Protein backbone atom coordinates (compact mmCIF):
# COMPACT_ATOMS: atom_id res chain seq x y z
CA MET A 1 -21.60 19.19 24.26
CA LEU A 2 -21.71 17.64 20.81
CA CYS A 3 -22.84 18.76 17.39
CA PRO A 4 -25.47 16.30 16.08
CA LYS A 5 -24.55 17.20 12.47
CA CYS A 6 -20.72 17.03 12.29
CA HIS A 7 -20.11 15.22 15.62
CA SER A 8 -17.60 17.82 16.86
CA GLU A 9 -17.14 18.01 20.61
CA TYR A 10 -17.35 21.32 22.48
CA LEU A 11 -16.93 22.57 26.03
CA ASP A 12 -20.08 22.54 28.14
CA HIS A 13 -20.58 26.33 28.15
CA LEU A 14 -20.94 26.53 24.32
CA LYS A 15 -24.40 26.20 22.79
CA GLU A 16 -23.80 26.34 18.99
CA CYS A 17 -21.42 24.51 16.64
CA GLY A 18 -18.80 26.88 15.28
CA ASP A 19 -18.76 25.11 11.89
CA CYS A 20 -22.38 24.07 11.29
CA LYS A 21 -24.16 26.78 13.33
CA THR A 22 -26.32 23.92 14.70
CA ASP A 23 -27.52 23.79 18.31
CA LEU A 24 -25.31 21.50 20.38
CA ILE A 25 -26.70 18.59 22.36
CA SER A 26 -25.61 17.11 25.64
CA ALA A 27 -24.82 13.52 24.72
CA SER A 28 -22.18 10.90 24.83
CA PRO A 29 -20.43 10.19 21.50
CA ILE A 30 -21.60 6.60 21.97
CA ASP A 31 -25.22 7.80 21.65
CA LEU A 32 -24.68 9.33 18.22
CA PRO A 33 -25.08 7.32 15.03
CA ILE A 34 -21.85 6.34 13.32
CA PRO A 35 -21.77 7.85 9.84
CA GLU A 36 -21.27 5.26 7.11
CA MET A 37 -18.15 5.84 5.02
CA MET A 38 -17.06 4.13 1.86
CA TRP A 39 -13.24 4.00 1.81
CA SER A 40 -11.29 4.07 -1.46
CA PRO A 41 -7.58 3.42 -2.02
CA LEU A 42 -5.15 6.00 -3.34
CA ILE A 43 -2.33 5.09 -5.68
CA PRO A 44 0.17 2.74 -3.96
CA PHE A 45 3.24 4.24 -2.31
CA ASP A 46 6.70 2.70 -2.55
CA GLY A 47 7.60 2.96 1.12
CA LYS A 48 6.36 4.61 4.28
CA ILE A 49 8.33 7.83 3.79
CA TYR A 50 6.33 8.78 0.67
CA ALA A 51 3.09 7.70 2.33
CA ASP A 52 3.93 9.94 5.32
CA MET A 53 4.51 12.87 2.96
CA ALA A 54 1.11 12.28 1.35
CA ALA A 55 -0.49 11.90 4.80
CA GLU A 56 0.83 15.33 5.77
CA LEU A 57 -0.84 16.83 2.68
CA LEU A 58 -4.08 15.04 3.55
CA ASP A 59 -3.89 16.36 7.12
CA ASN A 60 -3.31 19.90 5.84
CA ASN A 61 -6.44 19.55 3.67
CA SER A 62 -8.58 17.97 6.44
CA ILE A 63 -9.01 14.71 4.54
CA PRO A 64 -9.45 11.65 6.81
CA TYR A 65 -7.36 8.60 5.94
CA TYR A 66 -5.87 5.37 7.20
CA PHE A 67 -2.75 3.39 6.25
CA LYS A 68 -2.52 -0.25 5.28
CA MET A 69 0.96 -1.79 5.24
CA ASP A 70 2.45 -5.24 5.30
CA TRP A 71 2.21 -7.06 8.61
CA ALA A 72 5.89 -6.84 9.61
CA SER A 73 6.08 -3.07 9.20
CA SER A 74 2.88 -2.54 11.15
CA ALA A 75 3.66 -5.03 13.92
CA PHE A 76 7.20 -3.85 14.57
CA SER A 77 6.59 -0.16 13.81
CA ILE A 78 9.41 -0.05 11.28
CA GLU A 79 9.35 3.50 9.93
CA ALA A 80 12.88 4.84 9.87
CA THR A 81 13.69 3.70 6.34
CA THR A 82 11.93 2.14 3.42
CA ILE A 83 11.96 -1.63 3.40
CA THR A 84 12.78 -2.98 -0.05
CA GLY A 85 9.59 -3.78 -1.89
CA GLN A 86 7.38 -2.24 0.79
CA ILE A 87 4.04 -1.03 -0.56
CA VAL A 88 1.89 1.24 1.57
CA ARG A 89 -1.75 1.92 0.75
CA ILE A 90 -3.70 4.92 1.99
CA PHE A 91 -7.48 4.81 2.06
CA VAL A 92 -9.71 7.92 2.11
CA PRO A 93 -13.49 8.41 2.13
CA LYS A 94 -14.85 8.10 -1.38
CA GLU A 95 -16.07 11.72 -1.48
CA HIS A 96 -12.46 12.91 -1.01
CA LEU A 97 -10.88 10.52 -3.52
CA ASP A 98 -10.30 12.91 -6.45
CA LYS A 99 -8.69 15.64 -4.35
CA ALA A 100 -6.66 13.10 -2.34
CA ASN A 101 -5.35 11.49 -5.54
CA ARG A 102 -4.26 14.89 -6.88
CA LEU A 103 -2.40 15.56 -3.63
CA ALA A 104 -0.84 12.07 -3.57
CA SER A 105 0.32 12.35 -7.18
CA SER A 106 2.28 15.49 -6.25
CA VAL A 107 4.37 13.21 -3.98
CA THR A 108 4.71 10.19 -6.23
CA GLY A 109 4.67 11.79 -9.67
CA LYS A 110 2.18 9.08 -10.71
CA ARG A 111 -1.13 10.08 -12.29
CA ILE A 112 -4.36 8.12 -12.17
């Protein structure tokens, strides 16, 4: 069962979305329209460790995000230490940008 409003998935015996209070539908996620999102970058992070710290804050505040790193770090999954000069970008949906930037600045000390 799926919520047509927030696209949350539920077990078959449930009939109403716990968040939206909307009637659930029996449908495949592939049948639902994909919501359009405009992604905006946060301040750049000097290394994956700081970006991971910011990502944890975003997770705790239910803010979706994705990382963009240089090719070598992504391809070889280098995460243990910061590579000299490595810049990591985090992108969030535009409607979460202000809150996400406040959270990210608590990690970096940089203000926008």
